[in-house]
Amino acid sequence: MIQQLSAPELKAMIDSGTPFEFVDVRNQWERDIAAIEGSRLLDQAYHDHLLTLDRGTPLVFQCHHGIRSQSAAEYCQGLGFENLFNLRGGIDAWSQLVDPAVPRY
């Protein structure tokens, strides 16, 4: 099951120091506009790295509105990952509810 995180819940998770992989599934041009600190763009090298991880590793996915990240989480679920999270509302929700300094687009 993929757990849905609100932006404030993700902020609390980050602030707690809980270790997790923070996967940004957007395009580079979107990251150039706005990014959440600590996230990493899902390029081929990062994808290959994720495949080497223990299947219990927490993975948090984010995109613009939460749709592409949900699909990416489902993809990883199919690969046997068990501790999956999706940022509900994506970086847009983050900008509105957590950090208004992150530009909306």
PDB file of N, CA and C in Angstrom:
ATOM      1  N   MET A   1       0.840  -1.193   0.000  1.00  0.00           N
ATOM      2  CA  MET A   1       0.000   0.000   0.000  1.00  0.00           C
ATOM      3  C   MET A   1       0.882   1.253   0.000  1.00  0.00           C
ATOM      4  N   ILE A   2       0.497   2.211  -0.794  1.00  0.00           N
ATOM      5  CA  ILE A   2       1.231   3.473  -0.865  1.00  0.00           C
ATOM      6  C   ILE A   2       0.549   4.469   0.054  1.00  0.00           C
ATOM      7  N   GLN A   3       1.316   4.954   1.022  1.00  0.00           N
ATOM      8  CA  GLN A   3       0.770   5.890   2.000  1.00  0.00           C
ATOM      9  C   GLN A   3       0.811   7.302   1.423  1.00  0.00           C
ATOM     10  N   GLN A   4      -0.266   8.039   1.624  1.00  0.00           N
ATOM     11  CA  GLN A   4      -0.357   9.414   1.148  1.00  0.00           C
ATOM     12  C   GLN A   4       0.065  10.350   2.278  1.00  0.00           C
ATOM     13  N   LEU A   5       1.048  11.193   2.002  1.00  0.00           N
ATOM     14  CA  LEU A   5       1.525  12.166   2.979  1.00  0.00           C
ATOM     15  C   LEU A   5       1.031  13.553   2.608  1.00  0.00           C
ATOM     16  N   SER A   6       0.539  14.289   3.578  1.00  0.00           N
ATOM     17  CA  SER A   6       0.269  15.702   3.341  1.00  0.00           C
ATOM     18  C   SER A   6       1.607  16.437   3.404  1.00  0.00           C
ATOM     19  N   ALA A   7       1.641  17.642   2.893  1.00  0.00           N
ATOM     20  CA  ALA A   7       2.870  18.429   2.949  1.00  0.00           C
ATOM     21  C   ALA A   7       3.332  18.652   4.393  1.00  0.00           C
ATOM     22  N   PRO A   8       2.443  19.012   5.330  1.00  0.00           N
ATOM     23  CA  PRO A   8       2.893  19.152   6.717  1.00  0.00           C
ATOM     24  C   PRO A   8       3.403  17.834   7.321  1.00  0.00           C
ATOM     25  N   GLU A   9       2.815  16.703   6.940  1.00  0.00           N
ATOM     26  CA  GLU A   9       3.308  15.412   7.422  1.00  0.00           C
ATOM     27  C   GLU A   9       4.710  15.126   6.893  1.00  0.00           C
ATOM     28  N   LEU A  10       4.952  15.472   5.634  1.00  0.00           N
ATOM     29  CA  LEU A  10       6.292  15.300   5.084  1.00  0.00           C
ATOM     30  C   LEU A  10       7.277  16.209   5.796  1.00  0.00           C
ATOM     31  N   LYS A  11       6.895  17.431   6.061  1.00  0.00           N
ATOM     32  CA  LYS A  11       7.765  18.372   6.788  1.00  0.00           C
ATOM     33  C   LYS A  11       8.134  17.793   8.147  1.00  0.00           C
ATOM     34  N   ALA A  12       7.164  17.222   8.849  1.00  0.00           N
ATOM     35  CA  ALA A  12       7.429  16.610  10.155  1.00  0.00           C
ATOM     36  C   ALA A  12       8.375  15.419  10.022  1.00  0.00           C
ATOM     37  N   MET A  13       8.215  14.652   8.959  1.00  0.00           N
ATOM     38  CA  MET A  13       9.084  13.502   8.711  1.00  0.00           C
ATOM     39  C   MET A  13      10.519  13.970   8.475  1.00  0.00           C
ATOM     40  N   ILE A  14      10.680  15.022   7.689  1.00  0.00           N
ATOM     41  CA  ILE A  14      12.003  15.589   7.430  1.00  0.00           C
ATOM     42  C   ILE A  14      12.609  16.115   8.725  1.00  0.00           C
ATOM     43  N   ASP A  15      11.823  16.882   9.472  1.00  0.00           N
ATOM     44  CA  ASP A  15      12.306  17.488  10.710  1.00  0.00           C
ATOM     45  C   ASP A  15      12.684  16.454  11.764  1.00  0.00           C
ATOM     46  N   SER A  16      12.056  15.288  11.714  1.00  0.00           N
ATOM     47  CA  SER A  16      12.341  14.249  12.707  1.00  0.00           C
ATOM     48  C   SER A  16      13.687  13.573  12.465  1.00  0.00           C
ATOM     49  N   GLY A  17      14.233  13.754  11.265  1.00  0.00           N
ATOM     50  CA  GLY A  17      15.503  13.113  10.945  1.00  0.00           C
ATOM     51  C   GLY A  17      15.369  11.668  10.504  1.00  0.00           C
ATOM     52  N   THR A  18      14.136  11.230  10.310  1.00  0.00           N
ATOM     53  CA  THR A  18      13.893   9.873   9.828  1.00  0.00           C
ATOM     54  C   THR A  18      14.581   9.685   8.480  1.00  0.00           C
ATOM     55  N   PRO A  19      15.408   8.645   8.339  1.00  0.00           N
ATOM     56  CA  PRO A  19      16.070   8.443   7.041  1.00  0.00           C
ATOM     57  C   PRO A  19      15.105   7.888   5.996  1.00  0.00           C
ATOM     58  N   PHE A  20      15.143   8.477   4.816  1.00  0.00           N
ATOM     59  CA  PHE A  20      14.339   7.985   3.695  1.00  0.00           C
ATOM     60  C   PHE A  20      14.932   8.527   2.412  1.00  0.00           C
ATOM     61  N   GLU A  21      14.602   7.886   1.308  1.00  0.00           N
ATOM     62  CA  GLU A  21      14.969   8.375  -0.019  1.00  0.00           C
ATOM     63  C   GLU A  21      13.848   9.298  -0.486  1.00  0.00           C
ATOM     64  N   PHE A  22      14.217  10.483  -0.930  1.00  0.00           N
ATOM     65  CA  PHE A  22      13.248  11.500  -1.320  1.00  0.00           C
ATOM     66  C   PHE A  22      13.363  11.716  -2.834  1.00  0.00           C
ATOM     67  N   VAL A  23      12.437  11.127  -3.565  1.00  0.00           N
ATOM     68  CA  VAL A  23      12.528  11.003  -5.016  1.00  0.00           C
ATOM     69  C   VAL A  23      11.634  12.037  -5.711  1.00  0.00           C
ATOM     70  N   ASP A  24      12.248  12.884  -6.511  1.00  0.00           N
ATOM     71  CA  ASP A  24      11.532  13.883  -7.308  1.00  0.00           C
ATOM     72  C   ASP A  24      11.406  13.332  -8.721  1.00  0.00           C
ATOM     73  N   VAL A  25      10.184  13.050  -9.155  1.00  0.00           N
ATOM     74  CA  VAL A  25       9.980  12.425 -10.459  1.00  0.00           C
ATOM     75  C   VAL A  25       9.670  13.429 -11.576  1.00  0.00           C
ATOM     76  N   ARG A  26       9.840  14.716 -11.282  1.00  0.00           N
ATOM     77  CA  ARG A  26       9.570  15.737 -12.296  1.00  0.00           C
ATOM     78  C   ARG A  26      10.730  15.825 -13.293  1.00  0.00           C
ATOM     79  N   ASN A  27      10.610  16.741 -14.227  1.00  0.00           N
ATOM     80  CA  ASN A  27      11.665  17.012 -15.195  1.00  0.00           C
ATOM     81  C   ASN A  27      12.657  18.013 -14.610  1.00  0.00           C
ATOM     82  N   GLN A  28      13.864  18.045 -15.193  1.00  0.00           N
ATOM     83  CA  GLN A  28      14.885  18.977 -14.709  1.00  0.00           C
ATOM     84  C   GLN A  28      14.406  20.426 -14.790  1.00  0.00           C
ATOM     85  N   TRP A  29      13.693  20.778 -15.864  1.00  0.00           N
ATOM     86  CA  TRP A  29      13.246  22.175 -15.983  1.00  0.00           C
ATOM     87  C   TRP A  29      12.287  22.548 -14.856  1.00  0.00           C
ATOM     88  N   GLU A  30      11.508  21.568 -14.365  1.00  0.00           N
ATOM     89  CA  GLU A  30      10.615  21.846 -13.237  1.00  0.00           C
ATOM     90  C   GLU A  30      11.419  22.057 -11.955  1.00  0.00           C
ATOM     91  N   ARG A  31      12.451  21.233 -11.766  1.00  0.00           N
ATOM     92  CA  ARG A  31      13.327  21.396 -10.595  1.00  0.00           C
ATOM     93  C   ARG A  31      14.054  22.736 -10.637  1.00  0.00           C
ATOM     94  N   ASP A  32      14.365  23.194 -11.833  1.00  0.00           N
ATOM     95  CA  ASP A  32      15.032  24.487 -11.958  1.00  0.00           C
ATOM     96  C   ASP A  32      14.144  25.621 -11.463  1.00  0.00           C
ATOM     97  N   ILE A  33      12.832  25.434 -11.549  1.00  0.00           N
ATOM     98  CA  ILE A  33      11.876  26.436 -11.072  1.00  0.00           C
ATOM     99  C   ILE A  33      11.697  26.319  -9.560  1.00  0.00           C
ATOM    100  N   ALA A  34      11.514  25.093  -9.082  1.00  0.00           N
ATOM    101  CA  ALA A  34      11.198  24.877  -7.665  1.00  0.00           C
ATOM    102  C   ALA A  34      11.617  23.479  -7.255  1.00  0.00           C
ATOM    103  N   ALA A  35      12.183  23.367  -6.046  1.00  0.00           N
ATOM    104  CA  ALA A  35      12.567  22.057  -5.517  1.00  0.00           C
ATOM    105  C   ALA A  35      12.455  22.078  -3.999  1.00  0.00           C
ATOM    106  N   ILE A  36      12.220  20.914  -3.442  1.00  0.00           N
ATOM    107  CA  ILE A  36      12.207  20.752  -1.988  1.00  0.00           C
ATOM    108  C   ILE A  36      13.586  20.260  -1.590  1.00  0.00           C
ATOM    109  N   GLU A  37      14.188  20.947  -0.651  1.00  0.00           N
ATOM    110  CA  GLU A  37      15.528  20.588  -0.201  1.00  0.00           C
ATOM    111  C   GLU A  37      15.563  19.130   0.262  1.00  0.00           C
ATOM    112  N   GLY A  38      16.578  18.427  -0.174  1.00  0.00           N
ATOM    113  CA  GLY A  38      16.739  17.029   0.203  1.00  0.00           C
ATOM    114  C   GLY A  38      16.205  16.049  -0.822  1.00  0.00           C
ATOM    115  N   SER A  39      15.393  16.544  -1.772  1.00  0.00           N
ATOM    116  CA  SER A  39      14.887  15.652  -2.813  1.00  0.00           C
ATOM    117  C   SER A  39      15.958  15.463  -3.875  1.00  0.00           C
ATOM    118  N   ARG A  40      15.806  14.378  -4.618  1.00  0.00           N
ATOM    119  CA  ARG A  40      16.783  14.061  -5.663  1.00  0.00           C
ATOM    120  C   ARG A  40      16.032  13.698  -6.943  1.00  0.00           C
ATOM    121  N   LEU A  41      16.468  14.275  -8.049  1.00  0.00           N
ATOM    122  CA  LEU A  41      15.835  14.026  -9.337  1.00  0.00           C
ATOM    123  C   LEU A  41      15.991  12.560  -9.727  1.00  0.00           C
ATOM    124  N   LEU A  42      14.913  11.965 -10.159  1.00  0.00           N
ATOM    125  CA  LEU A  42      14.938  10.571 -10.593  1.00  0.00           C
ATOM    126  C   LEU A  42      15.471  10.493 -12.022  1.00  0.00           C
ATOM    127  N   ASP A  43      16.784  10.415 -12.128  1.00  0.00           N
ATOM    128  CA  ASP A  43      17.412  10.167 -13.419  1.00  0.00           C
ATOM    129  C   ASP A  43      17.808   8.691 -13.474  1.00  0.00           C
ATOM    130  N   GLN A  44      18.452   8.277 -14.537  1.00  0.00           N
ATOM    131  CA  GLN A  44      18.793   6.858 -14.689  1.00  0.00           C
ATOM    132  C   GLN A  44      19.729   6.383 -13.587  1.00  0.00           C
ATOM    133  N   ALA A  45      20.707   7.198 -13.223  1.00  0.00           N
ATOM    134  CA  ALA A  45      21.661   6.801 -12.181  1.00  0.00           C
ATOM    135  C   ALA A  45      20.959   6.614 -10.839  1.00  0.00           C
ATOM    136  N   TYR A  46      20.037   7.520 -10.503  1.00  0.00           N
ATOM    137  CA  TYR A  46      19.321   7.390  -9.230  1.00  0.00           C
ATOM    138  C   TYR A  46      18.376   6.194  -9.269  1.00  0.00           C
ATOM    139  N   HIS A  47      17.726   5.980 -10.398  1.00  0.00           N
ATOM    140  CA  HIS A  47      16.870   4.807 -10.567  1.00  0.00           C
ATOM    141  C   HIS A  47      17.676   3.537 -10.306  1.00  0.00           C
ATOM    142  N   ASP A  48      18.854   3.454 -10.927  1.00  0.00           N
ATOM    143  CA  ASP A  48      19.699   2.271 -10.752  1.00  0.00           C
ATOM    144  C   ASP A  48      20.119   2.114  -9.291  1.00  0.00           C
ATOM    145  N   HIS A  49      20.408   3.222  -8.613  1.00  0.00           N
ATOM    146  CA  HIS A  49      20.757   3.178  -7.191  1.00  0.00           C
ATOM    147  C   HIS A  49      19.582   2.654  -6.360  1.00  0.00           C
ATOM    148  N   LEU A  50      18.389   3.145  -6.640  1.00  0.00           N
ATOM    149  CA  LEU A  50      17.212   2.706  -5.882  1.00  0.00           C
ATOM    150  C   LEU A  50      17.031   1.195  -5.979  1.00  0.00           C
ATOM    151  N   LEU A  51      17.320   0.638  -7.139  1.00  0.00           N
ATOM    152  CA  LEU A  51      17.146  -0.799  -7.334  1.00  0.00           C
ATOM    153  C   LEU A  51      18.088  -1.634  -6.475  1.00  0.00           C
ATOM    154  N   THR A  52      19.154  -1.019  -5.969  1.00  0.00           N
ATOM    155  CA  THR A  52      20.103  -1.749  -5.119  1.00  0.00           C
ATOM    156  C   THR A  52      19.697  -1.731  -3.647  1.00  0.00           C
ATOM    157  N   LEU A  53      18.692  -0.940  -3.301  1.00  0.00           N
ATOM    158  CA  LEU A  53      18.318  -0.756  -1.903  1.00  0.00           C
ATOM    159  C   LEU A  53      17.491  -1.914  -1.365  1.00  0.00           C
ATOM    160  N   ASP A  54      17.554  -2.081  -0.057  1.00  0.00           N
ATOM    161  CA  ASP A  54      16.680  -3.027   0.632  1.00  0.00           C
ATOM    162  C   ASP A  54      15.234  -2.639   0.343  1.00  0.00           C
ATOM    163  N   ARG A  55      14.403  -3.622   0.114  1.00  0.00           N
ATOM    164  CA  ARG A  55      13.008  -3.346  -0.266  1.00  0.00           C
ATOM    165  C   ARG A  55      12.182  -2.755   0.870  1.00  0.00           C
ATOM    166  N   GLY A  56      12.750  -2.688   2.071  1.00  0.00           N
ATOM    167  CA  GLY A  56      12.070  -2.036   3.191  1.00  0.00           C
ATOM    168  C   GLY A  56      12.447  -0.574   3.358  1.00  0.00           C
ATOM    169  N   THR A  57      13.362  -0.082   2.529  1.00  0.00           N
ATOM    170  CA  THR A  57      13.792   1.315   2.604  1.00  0.00           C
ATOM    171  C   THR A  57      12.608   2.238   2.342  1.00  0.00           C
ATOM    172  N   PRO A  58      12.390   3.226   3.213  1.00  0.00           N
ATOM    173  CA  PRO A  58      11.311   4.181   2.951  1.00  0.00           C
ATOM    174  C   PRO A  58      11.635   5.036   1.720  1.00  0.00           C
ATOM    175  N   LEU A  59      10.689   5.093   0.792  1.00  0.00           N
ATOM    176  CA  LEU A  59      10.813   5.923  -0.407  1.00  0.00           C
ATOM    177  C   LEU A  59       9.656   6.911  -0.426  1.00  0.00           C
ATOM    178  N   VAL A  60       9.985   8.192  -0.513  1.00  0.00           N
ATOM    179  CA  VAL A  60       8.971   9.239  -0.617  1.00  0.00           C
ATOM    180  C   VAL A  60       9.076   9.833  -2.012  1.00  0.00           C
ATOM    181  N   PHE A  61       7.954   9.859  -2.728  1.00  0.00           N
ATOM    182  CA  PHE A  61       7.913  10.364  -4.095  1.00  0.00           C
ATOM    183  C   PHE A  61       7.157  11.677  -4.132  1.00  0.00           C
ATOM    184  N   GLN A  62       7.655  12.606  -4.967  1.00  0.00           N
ATOM    185  CA  GLN A  62       6.952  13.871  -5.156  1.00  0.00           C
ATOM    186  C   GLN A  62       7.087  14.317  -6.596  1.00  0.00           C
ATOM    187  N   CYS A  63       6.057  15.030  -7.050  1.00  0.00           N
ATOM    188  CA  CYS A  63       6.059  15.642  -8.378  1.00  0.00           C
ATOM    189  C   CYS A  63       5.375  16.996  -8.241  1.00  0.00           C
ATOM    190  N   HIS A  64       4.728  17.461  -9.293  1.00  0.00           N
ATOM    191  CA  HIS A  64       4.071  18.769  -9.254  1.00  0.00           C
ATOM    192  C   HIS A  64       2.776  18.729  -8.447  1.00  0.00           C
ATOM    193  N   HIS A  65       1.898  17.763  -8.751  1.00  0.00           N
ATOM    194  CA  HIS A  65       0.601  17.677  -8.069  1.00  0.00           C
ATOM    195  C   HIS A  65       0.328  16.330  -7.411  1.00  0.00           C
ATOM    196  N   GLY A  66       1.231  15.366  -7.543  1.00  0.00           N
ATOM    197  CA  GLY A  66       1.055  14.082  -6.872  1.00  0.00           C
ATOM    198  C   GLY A  66       0.594  12.937  -7.756  1.00  0.00           C
ATOM    199  N   ILE A  67       0.439  13.182  -9.042  1.00  0.00           N
ATOM    200  CA  ILE A  67      -0.054  12.133  -9.940  1.00  0.00           C
ATOM    201  C   ILE A  67       1.100  11.289 -10.484  1.00  0.00           C
ATOM    202  N   ARG A  68       2.114  11.943 -11.037  1.00  0.00           N
ATOM    203  CA  ARG A  68       3.274  11.197 -11.543  1.00  0.00           C
ATOM    204  C   ARG A  68       3.988  10.476 -10.412  1.00  0.00           C
ATOM    205  N   SER A  69       4.056  11.110  -9.253  1.00  0.00           N
ATOM    206  CA  SER A  69       4.737  10.470  -8.121  1.00  0.00           C
ATOM    207  C   SER A  69       3.970   9.240  -7.648  1.00  0.00           C
ATOM    208  N   GLN A  70       2.659   9.269  -7.710  1.00  0.00           N
ATOM    209  CA  GLN A  70       1.858   8.090  -7.363  1.00  0.00           C
ATOM    210  C   GLN A  70       2.189   6.947  -8.320  1.00  0.00           C
ATOM    211  N   SER A  71       2.294   7.251  -9.607  1.00  0.00           N
ATOM    212  CA  SER A  71       2.643   6.224 -10.595  1.00  0.00           C
ATOM    213  C   SER A  71       4.032   5.654 -10.338  1.00  0.00           C
ATOM    214  N   ALA A  72       4.975   6.510  -9.979  1.00  0.00           N
ATOM    215  CA  ALA A  72       6.335   6.047  -9.686  1.00  0.00           C
ATOM    216  C   ALA A  72       6.339   5.150  -8.451  1.00  0.00           C
ATOM    217  N   ALA A  73       5.559   5.519  -7.436  1.00  0.00           N
ATOM    218  CA  ALA A  73       5.459   4.685  -6.239  1.00  0.00           C
ATOM    219  C   ALA A  73       4.856   3.330  -6.576  1.00  0.00           C
ATOM    220  N   GLU A  74       3.847   3.325  -7.432  1.00  0.00           N
ATOM    221  CA  GLU A  74       3.230   2.057  -7.845  1.00  0.00           C
ATOM    222  C   GLU A  74       4.226   1.189  -8.618  1.00  0.00           C
ATOM    223  N   TYR A  75       5.057   1.821  -9.446  1.00  0.00           N
ATOM    224  CA  TYR A  75       6.107   1.111 -10.171  1.00  0.00           C
ATOM    225  C   TYR A  75       7.046   0.425  -9.173  1.00  0.00           C
ATOM    226  N   CYS A  76       7.472   1.165  -8.148  1.00  0.00           N
ATOM    227  CA  CYS A  76       8.381   0.592  -7.146  1.00  0.00           C
ATOM    228  C   CYS A  76       7.688  -0.475  -6.307  1.00  0.00           C
ATOM    229  N   GLN A  77       6.410  -0.323  -6.095  1.00  0.00           N
ATOM    230  CA  GLN A  77       5.647  -1.359  -5.397  1.00  0.00           C
ATOM    231  C   GLN A  77       5.723  -2.658  -6.194  1.00  0.00           C
ATOM    232  N   GLY A  78       5.626  -2.563  -7.499  1.00  0.00           N
ATOM    233  CA  GLY A  78       5.725  -3.723  -8.363  1.00  0.00           C
ATOM    234  C   GLY A  78       7.097  -4.375  -8.337  1.00  0.00           C
ATOM    235  N   LEU A  79       8.106  -3.609  -7.917  1.00  0.00           N
ATOM    236  CA  LEU A  79       9.465  -4.138  -7.799  1.00  0.00           C
ATOM    237  C   LEU A  79       9.733  -4.721  -6.415  1.00  0.00           C
ATOM    238  N   GLY A  80       8.703  -4.709  -5.558  1.00  0.00           N
ATOM    239  CA  GLY A  80       8.841  -5.316  -4.247  1.00  0.00           C
ATOM    240  C   GLY A  80       9.108  -4.370  -3.100  1.00  0.00           C
ATOM    241  N   PHE A  81       9.181  -3.054  -3.366  1.00  0.00           N
ATOM    242  CA  PHE A  81       9.366  -2.105  -2.268  1.00  0.00           C
ATOM    243  C   PHE A  81       8.093  -2.063  -1.429  1.00  0.00           C
ATOM    244  N   GLU A  82       8.274  -1.934  -0.121  1.00  0.00           N
ATOM    245  CA  GLU A  82       7.147  -2.074   0.812  1.00  0.00           C
ATOM    246  C   GLU A  82       6.829  -0.824   1.619  1.00  0.00           C
ATOM    247  N   ASN A  83       7.729   0.144   1.654  1.00  0.00           N
ATOM    248  CA  ASN A  83       7.575   1.303   2.529  1.00  0.00           C
ATOM    249  C   ASN A  83       7.531   2.561   1.657  1.00  0.00           C
ATOM    250  N   LEU A  84       6.380   2.750   0.991  1.00  0.00           N
ATOM    251  CA  LEU A  84       6.242   3.771  -0.039  1.00  0.00           C
ATOM    252  C   LEU A  84       5.296   4.888   0.383  1.00  0.00           C
ATOM    253  N   PHE A  85       5.687   6.111   0.025  1.00  0.00           N
ATOM    254  CA  PHE A  85       4.902   7.295   0.358  1.00  0.00           C
ATOM    255  C   PHE A  85       4.796   8.187  -0.871  1.00  0.00           C
ATOM    256  N   ASN A  86       3.661   8.857  -1.006  1.00  0.00           N
ATOM    257  CA  ASN A  86       3.432   9.826  -2.071  1.00  0.00           C
ATOM    258  C   ASN A  86       3.041  11.153  -1.437  1.00  0.00           C
ATOM    259  N   LEU A  87       3.691  12.234  -1.881  1.00  0.00           N
ATOM    260  CA  LEU A  87       3.326  13.566  -1.394  1.00  0.00           C
ATOM    261  C   LEU A  87       2.037  13.993  -2.087  1.00  0.00           C
ATOM    262  N   ARG A  88       0.949  13.950  -1.338  1.00  0.00           N
ATOM    263  CA  ARG A  88      -0.372  14.331  -1.851  1.00  0.00           C
ATOM    264  C   ARG A  88      -0.367  15.827  -2.196  1.00  0.00           C
ATOM    265  N   GLY A  89      -0.690  16.137  -3.441  1.00  0.00           N
ATOM    266  CA  GLY A  89      -0.703  17.532  -3.875  1.00  0.00           C
ATOM    267  C   GLY A  89       0.637  18.016  -4.387  1.00  0.00           C
ATOM    268  N   GLY A  90       1.669  17.194  -4.262  1.00  0.00           N
ATOM    269  CA  GLY A  90       2.989  17.494  -4.797  1.00  0.00           C
ATOM    270  C   GLY A  90       3.629  18.749  -4.244  1.00  0.00           C
ATOM    271  N   ILE A  91       4.590  19.245  -5.021  1.00  0.00           N
ATOM    272  CA  ILE A  91       5.328  20.433  -4.591  1.00  0.00           C
ATOM    273  C   ILE A  91       4.413  21.652  -4.526  1.00  0.00           C
ATOM    274  N   ASP A  92       3.307  21.617  -5.265  1.00  0.00           N
ATOM    275  CA  ASP A  92       2.354  22.720  -5.199  1.00  0.00           C
ATOM    276  C   ASP A  92       1.758  22.822  -3.797  1.00  0.00           C
ATOM    277  N   ALA A  93       1.409  21.679  -3.209  1.00  0.00           N
ATOM    278  CA  ALA A  93       0.893  21.682  -1.828  1.00  0.00           C
ATOM    279  C   ALA A  93       1.978  22.118  -0.858  1.00  0.00           C
ATOM    280  N   TRP A  94       3.212  21.695  -1.109  1.00  0.00           N
ATOM    281  CA  TRP A  94       4.336  22.097  -0.253  1.00  0.00           C
ATOM    282  C   TRP A  94       4.460  23.627  -0.246  1.00  0.00           C
ATOM    283  N   SER A  95       4.387  24.225  -1.424  1.00  0.00           N
ATOM    284  CA  SER A  95       4.497  25.682  -1.545  1.00  0.00           C
ATOM    285  C   SER A  95       3.370  26.394  -0.804  1.00  0.00           C
ATOM    286  N   GLN A  96       2.175  25.832  -0.859  1.00  0.00           N
ATOM    287  CA  GLN A  96       1.022  26.469  -0.225  1.00  0.00           C
ATOM    288  C   GLN A  96       0.970  26.254   1.279  1.00  0.00           C
ATOM    289  N   LEU A  97       1.372  25.054   1.746  1.00  0.00           N
ATOM    290  CA  LEU A  97       1.146  24.686   3.145  1.00  0.00           C
ATOM    291  C   LEU A  97       2.386  24.691   4.029  1.00  0.00           C
ATOM    292  N   VAL A  98       3.572  24.625   3.420  1.00  0.00           N
ATOM    293  CA  VAL A  98       4.792  24.504   4.232  1.00  0.00           C
ATOM    294  C   VAL A  98       5.768  25.641   3.975  1.00  0.00           C
ATOM    295  N   ASP A  99       6.119  25.861   2.721  1.00  0.00           N
ATOM    296  CA  ASP A  99       7.173  26.811   2.406  1.00  0.00           C
ATOM    297  C   ASP A  99       6.788  27.699   1.226  1.00  0.00           C
ATOM    298  N   PRO A 100       6.178  28.843   1.493  1.00  0.00           N
ATOM    299  CA  PRO A 100       5.758  29.725   0.405  1.00  0.00           C
ATOM    300  C   PRO A 100       6.925  30.322  -0.384  1.00  0.00           C
ATOM    301  N   ALA A 101       8.165  30.155   0.106  1.00  0.00           N
ATOM    302  CA  ALA A 101       9.341  30.621  -0.640  1.00  0.00           C
ATOM    303  C   ALA A 101       9.621  29.727  -1.857  1.00  0.00           C
ATOM    304  N   VAL A 102       9.045  28.507  -1.860  1.00  0.00           N
ATOM    305  CA  VAL A 102       9.193  27.629  -3.015  1.00  0.00           C
ATOM    306  C   VAL A 102       8.182  28.089  -4.066  1.00  0.00           C
ATOM    307  N   PRO A 103       8.663  28.524  -5.234  1.00  0.00           N
ATOM    308  CA  PRO A 103       7.754  29.091  -6.246  1.00  0.00           C
ATOM    309  C   PRO A 103       6.706  28.093  -6.724  1.00  0.00           C
ATOM    310  N   ARG A 104       5.529  28.618  -7.002  1.00  0.00           N
ATOM    311  CA  ARG A 104       4.472  27.824  -7.633  1.00  0.00           C
ATOM    312  C   ARG A 104       4.549  28.044  -9.135  1.00  0.00           C
ATOM    313  N   TYR A 105       4.181  27.038  -9.871  1.00  0.00           N
ATOM    314  CA  TYR A 105       4.185  27.155 -11.339  1.00  0.00           C
ATOM    315  C   TYR A 105       3.054  26.366 -11.929  1.00  0.00           C
TER     316      TYR A 105
END
